[in-house]
Protein backbone atom coordinates (compact mmCIF):
# COMPACT_ATOMS: atom_id res chain seq x y z
CA MET A 1 -7.12 7.67 -18.57
CA GLN A 2 -4.52 5.19 -17.35
CA ARG A 3 -4.70 3.69 -13.87
CA HIS A 4 -1.69 4.11 -11.66
CA ALA A 5 -0.72 0.45 -11.33
CA PRO A 6 2.55 -1.11 -10.14
CA LEU A 7 5.15 -2.27 -12.62
CA LYS A 8 6.40 -5.41 -10.91
CA PRO A 9 9.05 -6.38 -9.85
CA PHE A 10 10.35 -2.79 -9.85
CA TRP A 11 7.35 -1.33 -7.98
CA ILE A 12 7.18 1.89 -9.93
CA CYS A 13 3.96 3.37 -11.26
CA THR A 14 3.09 2.48 -14.86
CA ALA A 15 1.47 5.89 -15.40
CA CYS A 16 3.91 8.34 -13.80
CA ALA A 17 7.07 6.29 -12.99
CA HIS A 18 7.05 7.34 -9.32
CA PRO A 19 7.49 4.72 -6.60
CA TRP A 20 4.24 2.79 -6.30
CA PRO A 21 1.83 3.44 -4.70
CA CYS A 22 2.15 7.02 -5.93
CA GLY A 23 -0.27 9.73 -4.81
CA GLU A 24 -2.67 8.99 -7.65
CA ALA A 25 -2.59 5.25 -6.94
CA ARG A 26 -3.39 5.95 -3.30
CA ALA A 27 -6.36 8.09 -4.34
CA GLU A 28 -7.58 5.34 -6.69
CA LEU A 29 -7.16 2.69 -3.98
CA ALA A 30 -8.94 4.86 -1.41
CA ALA A 31 -11.87 5.24 -3.81
CA ASP A 32 -11.89 1.50 -4.59
CA TYR A 33 -11.97 0.62 -0.87
CA THR A 34 -14.37 3.31 0.36
CA GLY A 35 -15.69 2.22 3.75
CA GLU A 36 -13.37 -0.80 3.83
CA ALA A 37 -10.10 0.55 5.22
CA ARG A 38 -9.36 -2.72 7.02
CA TRP A 39 -9.43 -4.68 3.75
CA LEU A 40 -7.29 -2.03 2.08
CA ALA A 41 -4.76 -2.52 4.90
CA VAL A 42 -4.83 -6.31 4.47
CA ASP A 43 -4.30 -6.05 0.71
CA MET A 44 -1.56 -3.43 1.05
CA ALA A 45 0.24 -5.58 3.64
CA GLY A 46 0.30 -8.43 1.12
CA LEU A 47 1.66 -6.09 -1.54
CA LEU A 48 4.29 -4.81 0.91
CA THR A 49 5.46 -8.39 1.45
CA GLU A 50 5.62 -8.98 -2.30
CA ALA A 51 7.44 -5.70 -2.96
CA THR A 52 9.95 -6.34 -0.17
CA ALA A 53 10.84 -9.72 -1.65
CA ASP A 54 11.15 -8.30 -5.17
CA LEU A 55 13.18 -5.23 -4.23
CA THR A 56 15.49 -7.18 -1.93
CA ARG A 57 16.17 -9.66 -4.72
CA LEU A 58 16.73 -7.00 -7.40
CA TYR A 59 18.81 -4.36 -5.64
CA PRO A 60 21.96 -4.67 -3.52
CA ASN A 61 20.71 -1.71 -1.42
CA PRO A 62 16.93 -2.14 -1.26
CA PRO A 63 14.71 0.59 0.21
CA ASP A 64 14.69 1.00 3.97
CA PRO A 65 12.06 -1.28 5.60
CA GLU A 66 10.60 1.63 7.57
CA ALA A 67 10.28 3.67 4.38
CA LEU A 68 8.60 0.76 2.59
CA HIS A 69 6.16 0.36 5.47
CA GLY A 70 5.25 4.04 5.26
CA ARG A 71 4.93 3.83 1.50
CA PHE A 72 2.58 0.84 1.53
CA LEU A 73 0.78 1.04 4.89
CA GLY A 74 1.45 4.33 6.67
CA TRP A 75 -0.98 6.26 4.54
CA VAL A 76 -3.78 3.70 5.04
CA ARG A 77 -4.08 4.34 8.78
CA ARG A 78 -4.04 8.10 8.19
CA LEU A 79 -6.75 7.67 5.55
CA ALA A 80 -8.92 5.66 7.94
CA ALA A 81 -8.45 8.28 10.65
CA THR A 82 -9.46 11.15 8.37
CA ARG A 83 -12.53 9.23 7.23
CA ARG A 84 -13.25 8.02 10.75
CA GLN A 85 -13.13 4.39 9.76
CA PRO A 86 -11.71 2.57 12.77
CA PHE A 87 -9.75 -0.58 12.19
CA ARG A 88 -11.76 -3.42 13.64
CA ASP A 89 -11.07 -7.00 14.46
CA LEU A 90 -11.50 -9.20 11.38
CA GLY A 91 -12.66 -12.10 13.53
CA SER A 92 -9.25 -13.47 14.45
CA GLY A 93 -9.07 -11.85 17.85
CA TRP A 94 -6.23 -9.58 16.65
CA PRO A 95 -7.01 -5.86 16.41
CA LEU A 96 -5.45 -3.97 13.52
């Protein structure tokens, strides 16, 4: 069984060739971060930044920033809400 990992710098899934994170990648990530939605959000925000830089450099018409945000982070908040895992302050004074 192959993990659904990103093929960088194109940000497509190595297993199914859909835009990463695909549905299966999201399920794998959700399982990997069970009970730690805030850390999943932090890691996905870093990946969003990396993907934005790559896709902007590679394509004259990169994906819409709002669409990229939904692709990388929108599902994380919904996941936390369905699992009743509130986003808490990580100690910086900034709520997520």
